[in-house]
Amino acid sequence: MQELQQGLQGLQQQLQLLQQQKNELENLIDSLTELGSKKEGDAVLIPFGAGVFIKAKVETTETVILNVGANVVVEKSIVDTLALVAKQSKELHTIEQSMQEELAHMSQQLQFLQLSQASE
């Protein structure tokens, strides 16, 4: 039963991390959409981390620089980037649903074990 409780806690933590990733993607979609409404030369605030921003001027509203892994970056259009982010968001949603189902299943197993022990 202890193993099941630990597994349940681990799954809950993974689910929280996944929800944070989903929130980050939603914020990214909002930012990309907002960038599309800007004009070249417009002033913007760029998040630098921990609530710190830097002032910048928009150089282009058509492309962004995207980290594709292993410190490799590519220039992609905002439209292509939005499509990629939407795909990632959909994949995370599917994973989240699966994890929610597994969490419910594990919770039921734990309740059953607890009831079994209580009746002994």
Protein backbone atom coordinates (compact mmCIF):
# COMPACT_ATOMS: atom_id res chain seq x y z
CA MET A 1 0.00 0.00 0.00
CA GLN A 2 2.88 2.34 0.76
CA GLU A 3 4.27 1.78 -2.74
CA LEU A 4 0.89 2.70 -4.20
CA GLN A 5 0.77 5.89 -2.12
CA GLN A 6 4.25 6.85 -3.28
CA GLY A 7 3.31 6.13 -6.89
CA LEU A 8 0.20 8.27 -6.47
CA GLN A 9 2.23 11.15 -5.06
CA GLY A 10 4.78 10.86 -7.86
CA LEU A 11 2.04 10.91 -10.46
CA GLN A 12 0.47 13.98 -8.84
CA GLN A 13 3.84 15.78 -8.98
CA GLN A 14 4.28 14.85 -12.64
CA LEU A 15 0.79 16.13 -13.35
CA GLN A 16 1.62 19.46 -11.69
CA LEU A 17 4.75 19.80 -13.84
CA LEU A 18 2.74 18.99 -16.94
CA GLN A 19 0.18 21.64 -16.05
CA GLN A 20 3.00 24.17 -15.63
CA GLN A 21 4.25 23.28 -19.11
CA LYS A 22 0.74 23.73 -20.49
CA ASN A 23 0.53 27.16 -18.83
CA GLU A 24 3.88 28.14 -20.35
CA LEU A 25 2.66 27.13 -23.80
CA GLU A 26 -0.56 29.13 -23.33
CA ASN A 27 1.51 32.17 -22.32
CA LEU A 28 3.71 31.64 -25.37
CA ILE A 29 0.68 31.52 -27.65
CA ASP A 30 -0.55 34.80 -26.13
CA SER A 31 2.87 36.41 -26.58
CA LEU A 32 3.23 35.25 -30.19
CA THR A 33 -0.27 36.47 -31.00
CA GLU A 34 0.50 39.83 -29.39
CA LEU A 35 3.75 40.09 -31.34
CA GLY A 36 1.79 39.59 -34.54
CA SER A 37 -0.21 42.72 -33.72
CA LYS A 38 2.92 44.86 -33.28
CA LYS A 39 4.71 46.90 -35.92
CA GLU A 40 8.41 47.03 -36.61
CA GLY A 41 9.98 49.58 -34.28
CA ASP A 42 7.29 49.28 -31.58
CA ALA A 43 8.60 49.23 -28.01
CA VAL A 44 7.98 46.03 -26.04
CA LEU A 45 8.92 44.57 -22.69
CA ILE A 46 10.73 41.24 -22.87
CA PRO A 47 10.63 38.96 -19.81
CA PHE A 48 14.17 38.40 -18.64
CA GLY A 49 13.28 36.12 -15.71
CA ALA A 50 12.05 36.33 -12.11
CA GLY A 51 9.74 39.25 -12.89
CA VAL A 52 12.48 41.30 -14.55
CA PHE A 53 11.87 42.80 -18.01
CA ILE A 54 14.02 44.60 -20.55
CA LYS A 55 12.86 47.22 -23.01
CA ALA A 56 13.31 46.37 -26.66
CA LYS A 57 12.14 47.44 -30.08
CA VAL A 58 10.52 44.97 -32.44
CA GLU A 59 12.83 44.29 -35.35
CA THR A 60 10.49 41.95 -37.19
CA THR A 61 6.95 40.77 -36.58
CA GLU A 62 7.09 37.87 -39.01
CA THR A 63 9.66 35.50 -37.50
CA VAL A 64 11.03 34.32 -34.18
CA ILE A 65 14.17 32.43 -33.18
CA LEU A 66 13.28 28.96 -31.92
CA ASN A 67 15.50 26.64 -29.86
CA VAL A 68 15.12 23.18 -31.38
CA GLY A 69 17.43 21.44 -28.89
CA ALA A 70 21.14 20.82 -28.38
CA ASN A 71 21.72 24.61 -28.45
CA VAL A 72 20.55 24.75 -32.06
CA VAL A 73 18.26 27.61 -33.03
CA VAL A 74 16.28 28.20 -36.21
CA GLU A 75 14.31 31.11 -37.53
CA LYS A 76 10.63 30.27 -38.02
CA SER A 77 7.60 32.26 -39.00
CA ILE A 78 5.16 33.15 -36.25
CA VAL A 79 2.49 31.14 -38.07
CA ASP A 80 4.68 28.02 -38.15
CA THR A 81 5.68 28.54 -34.53
CA LEU A 82 2.06 28.90 -33.45
CA ALA A 83 1.23 25.66 -35.27
CA LEU A 84 4.12 23.88 -33.55
CA VAL A 85 3.10 25.19 -30.13
CA ALA A 86 -0.53 24.22 -30.74
CA LYS A 87 0.62 20.69 -31.63
CA GLN A 88 2.71 20.50 -28.45
CA SER A 89 -0.22 21.79 -26.41
CA LYS A 90 -2.50 19.13 -27.89
CA GLU A 91 0.05 16.42 -27.11
CA LEU A 92 0.34 17.63 -23.51
CA HIS A 93 -3.44 17.60 -23.22
CA THR A 94 -3.53 13.97 -24.36
CA ILE A 95 -0.80 13.04 -21.87
CA GLU A 96 -2.64 14.93 -19.13
CA GLN A 97 -5.85 12.99 -19.81
CA SER A 98 -3.95 9.71 -19.63
CA MET A 99 -2.30 10.73 -16.38
CA GLN A 100 -5.65 11.80 -14.91
CA GLU A 101 -7.10 8.39 -15.76
CA GLU A 102 -4.11 6.63 -14.19
CA LEU A 103 -4.43 8.85 -11.11
CA ALA A 104 -8.11 7.95 -10.75
CA HIS A 105 -7.31 4.25 -11.16
CA MET A 106 -4.55 4.37 -8.56
CA SER A 107 -6.80 6.29 -6.16
CA GLN A 108 -9.49 3.61 -6.50
CA GLN A 109 -6.93 0.88 -5.84
CA LEU A 110 -5.68 2.70 -2.76
CA GLN A 111 -9.22 3.19 -1.42
CA PHE A 112 -9.95 -0.50 -1.99
CA LEU A 113 -6.81 -1.51 -0.09
CA GLN A 114 -7.62 0.86 2.75
CA LEU A 115 -11.15 -0.53 3.01
CA SER A 116 -9.82 -4.08 2.90
CA GLN A 117 -7.40 -3.38 5.72
CA ALA A 118 -10.05 -1.61 7.79
CA SER A 119 -12.39 -4.61 7.54
CA GLU A 120 -9.71 -7.08 8.71
